[in-house]
Amino acid sequence: MSVFKRILQFVRAVSARVSVEDGKYISAHLNAEQQKIFFAMSVADQVHSLRTAYTVERLIIEDKRGVDREFLIRCALLHDTGRRAGDLTIRGKIFAVLITSLAPAFAERLEINGNRALYIYHNHAEIGARKLQQIGLFREAKIIAKHHAPPKPDDPLELKLLRLADNEN
């Protein structure tokens, strides 16, 4: 990811707000139990997930292949639920991104030695997938668990679109 994109992500994170319209969108696509998990994320992650969902909708229209629209929007809204508010602050995320990019072996040692920010940063997909399984969203959990895994040729279209949308945001 380019430096410009990272700076843009930072600006979006510190200025993140969920609008009334965003709230209506969330209510239209997530039930009360799912919303509870969504709203447990930091506001910055909520806004990132909303932007990812809006991008997914655009990609679905552009792609024109048979995609379960509601399923994919739900995946986009819930893809970062492995990061609860307070688990990974903006400073913690900046640290995790930088140390992982600049010194991956050192980052791995820090994570093994209990650095919570690095653990959450590297494992939030699996953590979120487990949360979703607990509320019966097994299909969504399967996609979300793999959204940061290296792409494979046989990945489902929904996973490919989620990755694209996530990377754009």
Protein backbone atom coordinates (compact mmCIF):
# COMPACT_ATOMS: atom_id res chain seq x y z
CA MET A 1 0.00 0.00 0.00
CA SER A 2 1.34 3.42 -0.91
CA VAL A 3 2.39 6.03 1.64
CA PHE A 4 -0.37 8.33 0.34
CA LYS A 5 -3.02 5.65 0.98
CA ARG A 6 -1.68 5.10 4.51
CA ILE A 7 -1.81 8.85 5.21
CA LEU A 8 -5.37 8.98 3.87
CA GLN A 9 -6.30 6.04 6.14
CA PHE A 10 -4.86 7.92 9.12
CA VAL A 11 -6.81 11.10 8.32
CA ARG A 12 -10.00 9.10 7.89
CA ALA A 13 -9.41 7.27 11.19
CA VAL A 14 -8.90 10.40 13.28
CA SER A 15 -11.88 12.17 11.69
CA ALA A 16 -14.21 9.15 11.58
CA ARG A 17 -17.90 9.68 12.32
CA VAL A 18 -20.89 7.42 11.69
CA SER A 19 -23.65 9.55 10.16
CA VAL A 20 -27.39 9.12 10.59
CA GLU A 21 -27.51 7.79 7.01
CA ASP A 22 -24.74 5.30 7.84
CA GLY A 23 -26.79 4.17 10.85
CA LYS A 24 -29.79 3.52 8.60
CA TYR A 25 -27.56 1.54 6.21
CA ILE A 26 -26.23 -0.58 9.08
CA SER A 27 -29.78 -1.24 10.36
CA ALA A 28 -30.88 -2.25 6.88
CA HIS A 29 -28.16 -4.88 6.54
CA LEU A 30 -27.45 -6.16 10.07
CA ASN A 31 -29.85 -7.52 12.66
CA ALA A 32 -29.66 -6.45 16.32
CA GLU A 33 -27.20 -9.22 17.31
CA GLN A 34 -24.92 -8.42 14.36
CA GLN A 35 -25.13 -4.69 15.10
CA LYS A 36 -23.96 -5.35 18.64
CA ILE A 37 -20.75 -6.87 17.25
CA PHE A 38 -20.41 -4.09 14.67
CA PHE A 39 -20.78 -1.30 17.23
CA ALA A 40 -18.22 -2.98 19.52
CA MET A 41 -15.55 -1.88 17.01
CA SER A 42 -13.90 1.51 17.26
CA VAL A 43 -15.61 4.30 15.32
CA ALA A 44 -12.63 4.34 12.93
CA ASP A 45 -13.12 0.62 12.19
CA GLN A 46 -16.89 1.12 11.86
CA VAL A 47 -16.34 3.83 9.25
CA HIS A 48 -13.71 1.73 7.46
CA SER A 49 -16.17 -1.19 7.37
CA LEU A 50 -18.93 1.08 6.05
CA ARG A 51 -16.64 2.40 3.32
CA THR A 52 -15.72 -1.20 2.48
CA ALA A 53 -19.43 -2.11 2.22
CA TYR A 54 -20.16 0.88 -0.02
CA THR A 55 -17.22 -0.15 -2.23
CA VAL A 56 -18.47 -3.75 -2.32
CA GLU A 57 -21.81 -2.49 -3.63
CA ARG A 58 -20.04 -0.62 -6.43
CA LEU A 59 -17.92 -3.68 -7.29
CA ILE A 60 -21.01 -5.92 -7.40
CA ILE A 61 -22.61 -3.57 -9.93
CA GLU A 62 -19.42 -3.43 -12.01
CA ASP A 63 -18.73 -7.18 -11.85
CA LYS A 64 -22.20 -8.33 -13.01
CA ARG A 65 -21.58 -11.94 -11.95
CA GLY A 66 -23.94 -13.75 -9.63
CA VAL A 67 -23.05 -12.54 -6.14
CA ASP A 68 -25.22 -12.71 -3.04
CA ARG A 69 -25.40 -8.95 -2.45
CA GLU A 70 -26.74 -9.03 1.14
CA PHE A 71 -24.22 -11.69 2.17
CA LEU A 72 -21.31 -9.69 0.77
CA ILE A 73 -22.47 -6.41 2.35
CA ARG A 74 -22.78 -8.22 5.69
CA CYS A 75 -19.24 -9.60 5.26
CA ALA A 76 -17.93 -6.11 4.47
CA LEU A 77 -19.64 -4.57 7.50
CA LEU A 78 -18.36 -7.31 9.81
CA HIS A 79 -14.93 -8.05 8.32
CA ASP A 80 -12.92 -6.27 11.05
CA THR A 81 -15.01 -7.23 14.09
CA GLY A 82 -11.98 -9.05 15.45
CA ARG A 83 -10.78 -5.60 16.53
CA ARG A 84 -12.97 -4.32 19.36
CA ALA A 85 -12.77 -0.70 20.46
CA GLY A 86 -9.72 -0.37 22.69
CA ASP A 87 -8.01 -3.51 21.37
CA LEU A 88 -6.04 -1.65 18.75
CA THR A 89 -5.86 2.12 19.07
CA ILE A 90 -4.86 4.33 16.14
CA ARG A 91 -1.38 4.61 17.65
CA GLY A 92 -1.26 0.83 18.10
CA LYS A 93 -2.28 0.28 14.49
CA ILE A 94 0.35 2.74 13.22
CA PHE A 95 2.94 0.92 15.31
CA ALA A 96 1.80 -2.49 14.02
CA VAL A 97 1.80 -1.38 10.37
CA LEU A 98 5.23 0.23 10.61
CA ILE A 99 6.98 -2.49 12.59
CA THR A 100 5.46 -5.26 10.45
CA SER A 101 6.52 -3.47 7.25
CA LEU A 102 9.99 -2.40 8.37
CA ALA A 103 11.06 -5.26 10.65
CA PRO A 104 8.79 -8.29 10.23
CA ALA A 105 11.03 -10.68 12.21
CA PHE A 106 11.18 -8.23 15.12
CA ALA A 107 7.39 -7.75 14.92
CA GLU A 108 6.94 -11.52 15.12
CA ARG A 109 9.16 -11.71 18.21
CA LEU A 110 7.23 -8.88 19.87
CA GLU A 111 3.93 -10.59 19.10
CA ILE A 112 5.18 -13.92 20.50
CA ASN A 113 6.27 -12.06 23.64
CA GLY A 114 2.76 -10.73 24.19
CA ASN A 115 2.43 -7.47 22.25
CA ARG A 116 -1.37 -7.14 22.13
CA ALA A 117 -1.45 -4.57 19.30
CA LEU A 118 0.53 -6.86 17.01
CA TYR A 119 -1.52 -9.91 18.02
CA ILE A 120 -4.81 -8.16 17.21
CA TYR A 121 -3.40 -6.62 14.01
CA HIS A 122 -2.21 -9.99 12.68
CA ASN A 123 -5.08 -12.17 13.95
CA HIS A 124 -8.21 -10.01 13.80
CA ALA A 125 -9.63 -11.93 10.83
CA GLU A 126 -9.65 -15.22 12.74
CA ILE A 127 -10.84 -13.53 15.96
CA GLY A 128 -13.74 -11.93 14.08
CA ALA A 129 -14.59 -15.22 12.36
CA ARG A 130 -14.91 -16.92 15.76
CA LYS A 131 -17.25 -14.16 16.99
CA LEU A 132 -19.43 -14.61 13.92
CA GLN A 133 -19.54 -18.39 14.34
CA GLN A 134 -20.82 -17.86 17.89
CA ILE A 135 -23.89 -16.08 16.49
CA GLY A 136 -24.44 -18.58 13.67
CA LEU A 137 -22.85 -16.66 10.77
CA PHE A 138 -20.77 -19.61 9.59
CA ARG A 139 -20.72 -18.68 5.91
CA GLU A 140 -19.63 -15.11 6.67
CA ALA A 141 -17.02 -16.39 9.15
CA LYS A 142 -15.47 -18.58 6.44
CA ILE A 143 -14.95 -15.56 4.15
CA ILE A 144 -13.85 -13.16 6.89
CA ALA A 145 -11.30 -15.61 8.31
CA LYS A 146 -9.50 -15.54 4.95
CA HIS A 147 -9.76 -11.87 3.99
CA HIS A 148 -6.06 -11.22 4.77
CA ALA A 149 -4.79 -14.64 3.66
CA PRO A 150 -2.77 -14.82 0.44
CA PRO A 151 -5.12 -15.17 -2.56
CA LYS A 152 -5.66 -18.61 -4.07
CA PRO A 153 -6.97 -19.32 -7.58
CA ASP A 154 -10.05 -21.10 -6.21
CA ASP A 155 -11.06 -18.34 -3.76
CA PRO A 156 -14.79 -17.58 -3.94
CA LEU A 157 -15.77 -14.43 -5.84
CA GLU A 158 -17.17 -12.93 -2.62
CA LEU A 159 -13.76 -13.22 -0.94
CA LYS A 160 -12.03 -11.64 -3.95
CA LEU A 161 -14.48 -8.72 -3.96
CA LEU A 162 -14.17 -8.24 -0.19
CA ARG A 163 -10.37 -8.11 -0.47
CA LEU A 164 -10.57 -5.58 -3.30
CA ALA A 165 -12.96 -3.36 -1.37
CA ASP A 166 -10.95 -3.65 1.85
CA ASN A 167 -7.74 -2.72 0.03
CA GLU A 168 -9.38 0.35 -1.49
CA ASN A 169 -10.31 1.58 1.97
